[in-house]
Protein backbone atom coordinates (compact mmCIF):
# COMPACT_ATOMS: atom_id res chain seq x y z
CA MET A 1 15.05 183.83 109.80
CA PRO A 2 15.51 181.86 106.60
CA SER A 3 18.95 182.00 105.01
CA LYS A 4 18.66 183.93 101.43
CA ARG A 5 21.81 182.50 100.24
CA PRO A 6 21.18 180.18 97.00
CA LYS A 7 21.89 176.59 98.09
CA ILE A 8 24.35 174.29 96.04
CA LEU A 9 24.29 170.60 96.21
CA PHE A 10 27.93 169.67 95.00
CA LEU A 11 28.45 166.25 93.67
CA ALA A 12 32.31 165.72 94.55
CA TYR A 13 33.74 162.30 94.48
CA TYR A 14 37.10 163.28 95.00
CA PHE A 15 37.37 165.77 97.65
CA PRO A 16 39.59 166.70 100.77
CA PRO A 17 41.24 164.66 102.78
CA LEU A 18 42.14 162.94 99.41
CA ASN A 19 45.34 164.02 97.98
CA GLY A 20 45.35 164.57 94.30
CA ILE A 21 45.04 167.22 91.56
CA ALA A 22 41.25 166.57 90.97
CA CYS A 23 40.48 167.61 94.67
CA VAL A 24 42.07 170.85 93.92
CA ARG A 25 39.62 171.88 91.40
CA THR A 26 36.51 170.38 93.95
CA TRP A 27 37.71 171.91 97.02
CA ASN A 28 38.30 175.55 95.62
CA ILE A 29 34.98 175.42 94.00
CA ALA A 30 33.64 174.49 97.19
CA LYS A 31 35.64 177.31 99.15
CA TYR A 32 34.98 180.08 96.78
CA LEU A 33 31.52 179.63 96.16
CA SER A 34 31.05 179.62 100.12
CA ARG A 35 32.85 183.15 99.87
CA LEU A 36 30.49 184.41 97.48
CA GLY A 37 27.45 183.72 99.29
CA TRP A 38 26.29 180.30 98.11
CA ASP A 39 25.29 177.72 100.82
CA VAL A 40 27.33 174.57 99.87
CA THR A 41 26.57 171.13 100.80
CA VAL A 42 29.54 168.42 99.31
CA VAL A 43 28.08 164.96 98.54
CA THR A 44 31.13 162.88 98.96
CA PRO A 45 32.49 159.48 100.26
CA ASP A 46 33.29 159.34 103.99
CA PRO A 47 37.10 160.20 104.51
CA HIS A 48 37.13 157.20 106.59
CA LEU A 49 36.75 155.00 103.63
CA TRP A 50 39.86 156.03 101.94
CA ARG A 51 43.21 154.77 102.24
CA LEU A 52 44.79 157.75 103.35
CA GLY A 53 48.84 158.34 103.77
CA ASP A 54 48.19 160.40 106.69
CA SER A 55 44.99 160.05 109.04
CA SER A 56 45.50 163.58 110.42
CA GLU A 57 44.29 164.70 107.19
CA ILE A 58 40.55 164.06 108.40
CA GLU A 59 40.81 166.10 111.23
CA LYS A 60 42.50 169.10 109.21
CA THR A 61 39.72 168.65 106.52
CA ASN A 62 37.28 168.94 109.18
CA LEU A 63 38.56 172.35 110.26
CA GLU A 64 38.81 173.93 107.09
CA LEU A 65 35.20 172.91 106.16
CA ASN A 66 33.94 174.18 109.59
CA LYS A 67 36.35 177.62 108.61
CA ALA A 68 34.58 177.68 105.25
CA GLY A 69 31.38 177.31 106.35
CA ILE A 70 30.80 174.26 104.11
CA LYS A 71 28.64 171.09 104.94
CA ARG A 72 29.61 167.76 103.77
CA LEU A 73 27.37 165.04 103.44
CA SER A 74 29.19 161.96 103.99
CA THR A 75 28.00 158.46 102.14
CA GLY A 76 28.93 154.77 102.22
CA HIS A 77 30.75 153.14 99.27
CA GLY A 78 29.91 149.77 97.59
CA TRP A 79 32.34 147.57 95.54
CA ARG A 80 35.02 148.82 97.11
CA PHE A 81 37.09 145.92 95.54
CA LEU A 82 36.89 147.50 92.35
CA SER A 83 39.31 150.21 93.83
CA PRO A 84 41.51 148.58 96.37
CA GLY A 85 44.29 150.80 95.93
CA SER A 86 42.44 153.98 97.09
CA LEU A 87 39.34 152.33 99.27
CA LYS A 88 39.84 150.54 102.29
CA CYS A 89 38.69 146.63 101.54
CA GLU A 90 39.74 143.09 102.11
CA ASN A 91 42.20 142.30 99.67
CA GLU A 92 44.02 139.16 100.33
CA GLY A 93 43.58 135.40 99.86
CA ILE A 94 40.04 134.31 97.93
CA LYS A 95 38.95 137.94 98.18
CA TRP A 96 41.97 139.12 96.33
CA PHE A 97 41.23 136.86 93.81
CA VAL A 98 37.65 137.57 93.56
CA GLY A 99 38.18 141.14 93.33
CA ALA A 100 40.81 140.82 90.49
CA VAL A 101 38.21 139.05 88.48
CA CYS A 102 35.71 141.66 89.10
CA ARG A 103 38.00 144.14 88.14
CA GLN A 104 38.69 142.81 84.65
CA ILE A 105 35.08 142.32 83.97
CA ALA A 106 34.32 145.78 85.04
CA SER A 107 37.34 146.98 82.54
CA LYS A 108 36.15 144.96 79.75
CA TRP A 109 32.38 146.35 80.14
CA ARG A 110 33.73 149.78 80.67
CA ILE A 111 32.08 149.77 84.13
CA ASP A 112 33.12 152.74 86.31
CA ARG A 113 35.21 151.52 89.29
CA GLU A 114 33.58 153.83 91.30
CA ILE A 115 29.75 152.92 90.28
CA GLY A 116 29.29 151.31 93.92
CA TRP A 117 29.17 154.58 95.31
CA ILE A 118 25.85 155.93 93.45
CA ASN A 119 23.39 153.80 95.27
CA GLU A 120 25.18 154.77 98.52
CA ALA A 121 25.06 158.67 97.57
CA LYS A 122 21.55 158.37 96.53
CA ARG A 123 20.57 156.78 99.91
CA ALA A 124 22.84 159.65 101.70
CA CYS A 125 20.64 161.90 99.95
CA SER A 126 17.35 160.44 100.22
CA THR A 127 15.82 162.74 102.83
CA LEU A 128 16.43 165.99 100.85
CA VAL A 129 13.59 167.75 99.59
CA LYS A 130 13.23 170.34 97.26
CA GLU A 131 13.40 173.37 99.65
CA ASP A 132 16.85 172.37 100.71
CA VAL A 133 18.46 172.61 96.98
CA ASP A 134 18.47 175.31 94.37
CA ILE A 135 21.04 173.99 92.20
CA ILE A 136 22.93 170.95 91.73
CA LEU A 137 26.67 170.77 90.53
CA ALA A 138 28.55 167.67 89.60
CA SER A 139 31.91 167.33 88.83
CA GLY A 140 33.32 164.22 86.83
CA LYS A 141 35.05 161.98 86.62
CA PRO A 142 33.61 159.74 87.90
CA PHE A 143 31.14 160.28 85.22
CA CYS A 144 28.72 158.20 87.08
CA CYS A 145 28.09 161.34 89.08
CA PHE A 146 26.51 163.19 86.24
CA ARG A 147 23.60 160.29 86.15
CA LEU A 148 23.57 161.06 90.11
CA ALA A 149 22.88 164.68 89.08
CA LYS A 150 20.00 163.85 86.68
CA TRP A 151 18.49 161.45 89.43
CA LEU A 152 18.53 164.09 91.85
CA SER A 153 17.23 166.85 89.55
CA ASP A 154 14.02 164.60 88.74
CA LYS A 155 13.61 163.84 92.15
CA LEU A 156 14.04 167.42 93.72
CA LYS A 157 12.81 169.27 90.54
CA ARG A 158 15.87 171.50 90.48
CA PRO A 159 18.38 172.12 87.62
CA TYR A 160 21.79 170.50 87.24
CA VAL A 161 25.16 171.84 86.02
CA LEU A 162 27.96 169.26 84.73
CA ASP A 163 31.56 170.34 85.47
CA TYR A 164 34.23 168.46 83.39
CA ARG A 165 37.92 167.93 84.81
CA ASP A 166 38.04 165.38 81.51
CA PRO A 167 36.64 164.44 78.79
CA TRP A 168 34.29 161.52 79.10
CA THR A 169 34.13 159.90 75.46
CA ASN A 170 36.86 161.51 74.03
CA ASN A 171 39.58 161.50 76.27
CA PRO A 172 43.05 161.82 74.86
CA HIS A 173 44.76 159.62 77.44
CA ALA A 174 42.00 157.15 77.61
CA LYS A 175 43.09 153.42 76.25
CA LEU A 176 39.63 152.12 75.41
CA GLN A 177 36.85 153.88 73.37
CA LYS A 178 33.62 154.31 74.98
CA PHE A 179 30.18 152.02 73.91
CA GLN A 180 27.94 153.83 71.64
CA LYS A 181 25.59 153.26 74.63
CA THR A 182 27.78 155.61 76.60
CA ILE A 183 27.98 158.42 74.05
CA LYS A 184 24.15 158.47 74.05
CA GLU A 185 23.77 158.55 77.40
CA GLU A 186 26.34 161.61 77.73
CA GLN A 187 24.25 163.25 75.03
CA GLN A 188 21.01 163.04 76.89
CA LEU A 189 22.54 164.15 79.83
CA LEU A 190 24.02 167.11 78.38
CA GLN A 191 21.07 168.27 76.78
CA LYS A 192 19.21 167.95 80.05
CA SER A 193 21.74 169.83 81.99
CA ALA A 194 21.32 173.62 82.59
CA ALA A 195 24.84 174.34 81.94
CA VAL A 196 28.32 172.51 81.23
CA THR A 197 31.51 173.70 82.20
CA ILE A 198 34.80 172.23 81.10
CA VAL A 199 38.42 173.07 81.58
CA SER A 200 39.64 174.05 77.69
CA PRO A 201 38.55 176.01 74.65
CA SER A 202 39.19 173.08 72.53
CA TRP A 203 37.37 170.44 74.99
CA ALA A 204 34.25 173.04 74.92
CA LEU A 205 34.31 173.26 71.23
CA ASP A 206 34.48 169.48 70.96
CA LEU A 207 31.41 169.17 73.17
CA ARG A 208 29.73 171.75 71.25
CA LYS A 209 30.26 170.08 67.99
CA ARG A 210 29.65 166.50 68.87
CA TYR A 211 26.55 167.18 70.84
CA ASP A 212 25.17 170.28 69.04
CA LEU A 213 24.97 172.25 72.13
CA LYS A 214 24.48 176.06 72.06
CA GLY A 215 24.84 178.75 74.56
CA LYS A 216 25.41 176.34 77.39
CA VAL A 217 29.15 175.07 77.42
CA TYR A 218 31.42 177.39 79.03
CA VAL A 219 35.22 177.13 79.74
CA ILE A 220 36.15 177.31 83.45
CA SER A 221 40.18 176.51 83.56
CA ASN A 222 41.98 174.61 86.28
CA GLY A 223 44.03 177.38 88.39
CA PHE A 224 45.58 177.81 91.62
CA ASP A 225 44.47 178.92 95.01
CA PRO A 226 46.80 181.90 96.17
CA GLU A 227 45.90 181.52 99.97
CA GLU A 228 47.48 177.83 99.85
CA LEU A 229 50.61 178.49 97.72
CA ASN A 230 51.20 181.71 100.10
CA ARG A 231 51.99 179.05 102.90
CA VAL A 232 54.21 176.87 100.90
CA GLN A 233 57.87 176.91 102.31
CA PRO A 234 60.03 176.39 99.45
CA VAL A 235 62.78 173.48 99.69
CA GLN A 236 66.29 175.13 99.51
CA PHE A 237 67.89 172.84 97.04
CA PRO A 238 71.83 173.26 97.04
CA TYR A 239 72.12 172.92 93.60
CA PHE A 240 70.33 174.16 89.99
CA THR A 241 66.88 172.04 90.20
CA ILE A 242 64.66 170.87 87.80
CA VAL A 243 61.58 169.58 89.20
CA TYR A 244 58.69 167.36 87.46
CA THR A 245 55.53 166.07 89.49
CA GLY A 246 52.85 163.84 88.55
CA ASN A 247 51.67 161.29 86.25
CA PHE A 248 52.39 160.11 82.91
CA TYR A 249 50.37 158.56 80.32
CA PRO A 250 52.25 156.59 77.71
CA PRO A 251 52.28 157.17 74.52
CA LYS A 252 50.65 160.39 74.49
CA ARG A 253 52.44 161.83 77.78
CA VAL A 254 55.88 160.56 78.43
CA ILE A 255 59.04 161.77 79.59
CA ALA A 256 61.57 160.99 76.76
CA PRO A 257 61.31 164.78 75.30
CA LEU A 258 62.85 166.14 78.51
CA MET A 259 65.29 163.37 78.93
CA ALA A 260 66.65 163.69 75.60
CA ALA A 261 67.17 167.57 76.25
CA LEU A 262 68.97 166.66 79.76
CA LYS A 263 71.20 164.61 77.62
CA GLN A 264 72.27 167.57 75.55
CA LEU A 265 72.37 169.69 78.66
CA LYS A 266 74.93 167.03 80.21
CA GLU A 267 76.96 167.72 77.26
CA PHE A 268 76.97 171.28 77.38
CA ARG A 269 77.90 171.25 80.83
CA GLY A 270 80.54 168.88 80.69
CA GLU A 271 82.41 168.26 84.29
CA GLU A 272 79.66 170.62 85.78
CA ASN A 273 77.30 167.55 85.78
CA GLY A 274 77.04 167.18 89.53
CA LYS A 275 75.69 170.85 89.92
CA TRP A 276 72.09 170.18 88.31
CA PHE A 277 69.53 167.48 88.81
CA LEU A 278 65.83 166.74 88.05
CA HIS A 279 63.90 165.61 90.94
CA TYR A 280 60.69 163.38 90.05
CA TYR A 281 57.93 163.32 92.53
CA GLY A 282 55.41 160.67 91.22
CA GLN A 283 54.20 157.10 91.19
CA MET A 284 55.99 156.23 87.72
CA GLY A 285 58.98 156.32 88.97
CA ASP A 286 59.89 153.03 86.53
CA HIS A 287 59.21 155.00 83.34
CA VAL A 288 61.55 157.86 84.50
CA ARG A 289 64.31 155.33 85.44
CA GLU A 290 64.09 153.65 82.48
CA GLU A 291 64.07 156.78 80.20
CA ALA A 292 67.03 158.07 82.05
CA GLU A 293 68.80 155.13 81.58
CA ARG A 294 68.30 155.06 77.79
CA PHE A 295 69.42 158.79 77.60
CA GLY A 296 72.55 158.32 79.79
CA VAL A 297 71.79 160.78 82.40
CA THR A 298 70.86 158.34 85.39
CA ASN A 299 73.33 160.40 87.49
CA ASN A 300 71.33 163.62 87.07
CA VAL A 301 67.98 162.07 88.18
CA LYS A 302 66.56 161.66 91.85
CA LEU A 303 63.33 159.74 92.21
CA HIS A 304 61.22 160.43 95.17
CA GLY A 305 58.16 158.32 94.73
CA LYS A 306 54.55 159.55 95.38
CA VAL A 307 54.39 162.28 98.32
CA PRO A 308 51.72 164.06 100.16
CA ARG A 309 51.10 167.25 98.17
CA SER A 310 52.48 169.62 100.66
CA VAL A 311 55.87 167.92 99.93
CA ALA A 312 55.51 168.33 96.26
CA LEU A 313 54.35 172.08 96.46
CA ALA A 314 57.45 172.64 98.37
CA ALA A 315 59.58 171.34 95.68
CA VAL A 316 58.07 173.19 93.17
CA ALA A 317 58.40 176.51 94.94
CA GLY A 318 62.17 175.86 95.75
CA ALA A 319 62.68 174.64 91.85
CA ASP A 320 64.66 176.66 89.53
CA VAL A 321 62.39 175.57 86.92
CA SER A 322 59.28 173.47 86.88
CA VAL A 323 58.71 170.84 83.52
CA VAL A 324 55.09 170.38 82.66
CA ILE A 325 54.11 167.96 79.90
CA THR A 326 50.65 167.98 78.40
CA SER A 327 49.68 165.55 75.48
CA ILE A 328 52.24 165.06 73.11
CA PRO A 329 51.15 163.01 70.22
CA ASP A 330 52.65 162.26 66.54
CA LYS A 331 49.03 163.39 65.26
CA VAL A 332 47.15 166.13 67.21
CA THR A 333 43.54 165.87 67.64
CA ILE A 334 41.23 168.43 69.19
CA ALA A 335 41.01 166.32 72.44
CA ASP A 336 44.66 166.80 72.38
CA GLN A 337 44.96 170.27 72.08
CA GLY A 338 42.77 170.75 74.79
CA MET A 339 44.74 168.88 77.42
CA VAL A 340 45.70 171.63 79.87
CA THR A 341 47.12 169.49 83.02
CA GLY A 342 46.25 170.77 86.18
CA LYS A 343 50.07 170.67 87.37
CA VAL A 344 51.03 173.51 85.13
CA PHE A 345 49.08 176.28 87.39
CA GLU A 346 50.80 174.94 90.86
CA PRO A 347 54.37 176.71 89.61
CA LEU A 348 52.38 179.34 87.61
CA GLY A 349 50.79 180.22 91.06
CA LEU A 350 54.10 179.90 92.95
CA GLY A 351 55.87 181.86 90.76
CA SER A 352 58.48 179.10 89.43
CA PRO A 353 59.87 179.39 85.69
CA ILE A 354 57.96 176.68 83.54
CA LEU A 355 59.36 174.51 80.84
CA LEU A 356 55.80 173.38 79.21
CA ILE A 357 56.00 170.66 76.69
CA CYS A 358 52.87 170.79 74.28
CA PRO A 359 51.83 170.86 70.81
CA LEU A 360 52.18 174.25 69.42
CA GLU A 361 48.55 175.01 68.56
CA SER A 362 47.23 173.59 71.72
CA ASP A 363 45.38 175.30 74.61
CA ALA A 364 48.27 174.91 76.72
CA ALA A 365 50.42 177.03 74.66
CA LEU A 366 48.51 180.22 75.48
CA LEU A 367 50.06 179.97 78.97
CA GLY A 368 53.39 181.09 77.09
CA GLN A 369 51.68 184.57 77.03
CA CYS A 370 52.73 184.79 81.05
CA GLN A 371 56.08 185.94 81.52
CA GLY A 372 58.17 183.01 82.64
CA VAL A 373 56.39 180.31 80.94
CA HIS A 374 58.54 178.72 77.75
CA VAL A 375 56.73 176.62 75.38
CA PHE A 376 58.39 173.77 73.25
CA GLN A 377 57.06 171.28 71.21
CA LYS A 378 58.29 167.98 71.67
CA GLU A 379 60.83 167.98 68.54
CA ASN A 380 62.68 170.87 70.23
CA VAL A 381 64.87 169.34 72.10
CA GLY A 382 68.04 171.43 71.29
CA GLY A 383 65.82 174.45 72.43
CA MET A 384 65.03 172.94 75.80
CA ALA A 385 68.54 172.06 76.49
CA HIS A 386 69.80 175.76 75.51
CA PHE A 387 66.97 177.00 77.61
CA LEU A 388 68.08 175.20 80.71
CA ASN A 389 71.73 175.94 80.26
CA LYS A 390 70.64 179.67 79.81
CA LEU A 391 68.58 179.25 83.57
CA ILE A 392 71.73 177.81 84.99
CA GLU A 393 73.73 180.52 84.13
CA GLY A 394 71.50 182.64 86.06
CA ASN A 395 69.58 184.17 83.06
CA GLY A 396 65.97 183.43 84.12
CA GLU A 397 62.88 185.26 85.09
CA LYS A 398 60.16 184.81 87.54
CA ILE A 399 56.28 184.04 86.60
CA ALA A 400 54.16 186.87 85.93
CA GLY A 401 50.91 187.50 84.37
CA GLY A 402 48.92 184.54 85.50
CA GLU A 403 46.22 186.17 87.88
CA GLU A 404 43.01 185.05 85.41
CA TYR A 405 43.86 181.49 86.89
CA SER A 406 43.55 182.29 90.49
CA TRP A 407 40.29 180.62 91.70
CA VAL A 408 39.58 183.91 93.34
CA ASN A 409 38.90 185.19 89.91
CA LEU A 410 37.78 181.62 88.12
CA SER A 411 35.06 181.16 91.06
CA LYS A 412 33.62 184.56 90.07
CA GLN A 413 33.08 183.23 86.68
CA LEU A 414 31.25 179.76 87.99
CA ASN A 415 29.30 181.77 90.32
CA ASP A 416 27.79 183.91 87.26
CA ILE A 417 27.24 180.74 85.44
CA LEU A 418 25.51 179.16 88.04
CA LEU A 419 23.26 182.21 88.89
CA LYS A 420 22.03 182.14 85.48
CA SER A 421 21.61 178.34 85.58
CA LEU A 422 18.92 179.07 88.60
């Protein structure tokens, strides 16, 4: 008998076995929609095209896909020289030089570095017919996959839904403004979509206002997968440990406010400075080291570089407190207000206390309603230092009240939106 499960074609450029925060959202969307009764097919680059630190992750992902009943439609990828750090390609000698020139041209003209994926994805989807798909969901960035969603919608005569993990043309961490042509394209794609989901209320409001969208923009926050976090084995640190994981985006996301607080903490603790440390897991160790030197706390900072997600989660689980910084500009815009980094949901789900640095009026500050999440503005260095000192003295509390950010619950909201969009 034919399946009565609604069929969704999920365009997810970033997807396991890749190891990144974007994949947390795409994997959990696919996983939990499948459990809610959807027939899920994920269109994503062939995993063998990525530069993976551990090739065994491919087999692990294959097993997880089979277990979840998720189909993967693997694609090729052209123009891989635009992303030589993440995609396998020849990147030496004259080919490195030619690739570098092409990357400069692409950057100047705001060409997505993932643009070479689109034609390969179209080729992989070319045999699909209308009966294979009920609805198309595209997760961006890259935002070129929104064009792919529209192309498939026209080809298959099926509706499409756009999922924003970050803003496209009003990103607070983007260094360059988009062309007017790009803004017009975004508007057209949004207006022809069946629905739009985005991760924060302020960003949703921004889309509605800028593009006069009514009744089709919904907030589906980032979140955590309780099943994944229940498997995490915490690191047993022998001293009080502060953990920060992830990247920075100077000048709007920098570690300076935390380092200023650590300087005061060092003054509070005196000779006990060897009993507490900040552990940083991420690829921006130079930034952390420079700021640690500037504030005189180098001896209390340990750098681990970029590590597998499992290692970072184990550190967060074992930490006495996790620090998360969103966007901390001098003048806060609506784009800054909407910045709620996905990294905040890992300690939230693991139950670790959180020191959250963000604008007071931002969407991220609402997480302060959860027990164990303490929100500080970047200027409140003394407040941060006193909070950390209090934790060292043993006066802390575990997280409570974050169940609404579990993907078990978030997926139900997305399910309702997709069913309505059919």
